């Protein structure tokens, strides 16, 4: 009984819709919702894949080795056999 009453109230509303007006309708909403879910799934997958990436870089073979001291650097003290002594203080 209430369903038929609801339909009688909706029929006049449907006739008030402008025939010359174009709206996306239900199909447009479904397409938009599917696209939103796809983007959400892709973002979740990308986040998971980026979490697995190891960002440690290999040493550049052309670069100077870390152990060699350059003219402007302060490294190990001279005469210590290449080992740094602990700071005294």
Protein backbone atom coordinates (compact mmCIF):
# COMPACT_ATOMS: atom_id res chain seq x y z
CA UNK A 1 0.00 0.00 0.00
CA UNK A 2 2.74 2.47 0.92
CA UNK A 3 4.70 1.65 -2.26
CA UNK A 4 1.84 2.68 -4.48
CA UNK A 5 1.38 5.84 -2.42
CA UNK A 6 5.07 6.68 -2.86
CA UNK A 7 4.83 6.12 -6.61
CA UNK A 8 1.88 8.45 -6.90
CA UNK A 9 3.93 11.18 -5.24
CA UNK A 10 6.98 10.56 -7.48
CA UNK A 11 5.14 10.60 -10.80
CA UNK A 12 4.46 14.37 -10.72
CA UNK A 13 8.12 14.98 -9.79
CA UNK A 14 9.28 13.00 -12.82
CA UNK A 15 7.12 15.10 -15.12
CA UNK A 16 8.67 18.30 -13.76
CA UNK A 17 12.07 17.35 -15.17
CA UNK A 18 13.07 19.56 -18.07
CA UNK A 19 13.15 17.47 -21.27
CA UNK A 20 15.91 19.67 -22.79
CA UNK A 21 18.27 19.29 -19.83
CA UNK A 22 21.02 16.67 -20.05
CA UNK A 23 22.15 15.01 -16.81
CA UNK A 24 24.67 12.22 -16.21
CA UNK A 25 22.10 10.02 -14.52
CA UNK A 26 22.68 6.68 -12.91
CA UNK A 27 25.10 5.46 -15.59
CA UNK A 28 27.33 8.48 -15.03
CA UNK A 29 27.36 7.85 -11.29
CA UNK A 30 28.25 4.18 -11.80
CA UNK A 31 31.10 5.03 -14.17
CA UNK A 32 32.43 7.65 -11.75
CA UNK A 33 32.19 5.25 -8.78
CA UNK A 34 34.04 2.49 -10.69
CA UNK A 35 36.78 4.94 -11.69
CA UNK A 36 37.10 6.16 -8.08
CA UNK A 37 37.41 2.58 -6.82
CA UNK A 38 40.02 1.82 -9.49
CA UNK A 39 42.12 4.85 -8.52
CA UNK A 40 41.84 3.90 -4.84
CA UNK A 41 42.99 0.35 -5.60
CA UNK A 42 45.90 1.58 -7.73
CA UNK A 43 47.02 4.00 -5.00
CA UNK A 44 46.88 1.24 -2.40
CA UNK A 45 48.90 -1.09 -4.65
CA UNK A 46 51.45 1.63 -5.41
CA UNK A 47 51.87 2.38 -1.71
CA UNK A 48 52.47 -1.30 -0.98
CA UNK A 49 55.01 -1.60 -3.84
CA UNK A 50 56.91 1.52 -2.76
CA UNK A 51 57.09 0.12 0.77
CA UNK A 52 59.02 -2.87 -0.59
CA UNK A 53 61.61 -0.77 -2.44
CA UNK A 54 65.12 -0.66 -0.97
CA UNK A 55 66.51 2.84 -1.47
CA UNK A 56 70.15 2.00 -0.65
CA UNK A 57 72.36 3.02 -3.54
CA UNK A 58 75.49 1.20 -4.65
CA UNK A 59 78.77 3.06 -4.37
CA UNK A 60 79.77 4.95 -7.49
CA UNK A 61 82.86 3.22 -8.96
CA UNK A 62 84.19 6.57 -10.23
CA UNK A 63 83.95 8.21 -6.81
CA UNK A 64 86.93 8.47 -4.49
CA UNK A 65 86.97 5.78 -1.79
CA UNK A 66 85.80 6.90 1.64
CA UNK A 67 89.00 5.83 3.42
CA UNK A 68 91.28 8.22 1.48
CA UNK A 69 91.66 11.68 2.97
CA UNK A 70 91.49 14.69 0.68
CA UNK A 71 93.41 17.90 1.16
CA UNK A 72 90.55 19.78 2.81
CA UNK A 73 89.04 17.03 4.94
CA UNK A 74 89.62 16.33 8.59
CA UNK A 75 89.73 12.61 9.09
CA UNK A 76 91.92 10.34 11.10
CA UNK A 77 95.01 11.68 12.75
CA UNK A 78 98.33 11.11 11.01
CA UNK A 79 100.48 8.33 12.37
CA UNK A 80 97.60 6.45 13.97
CA UNK A 81 97.75 3.58 11.48
CA UNK A 82 94.47 4.53 9.87
CA UNK A 83 92.42 4.04 13.03
CA UNK A 84 90.71 6.95 14.72
CA UNK A 85 91.45 7.38 18.41
CA UNK A 86 88.53 8.05 20.75
CA UNK A 87 87.93 11.63 21.72
CA UNK A 88 89.35 12.60 25.06
CA UNK A 89 87.68 15.15 27.07
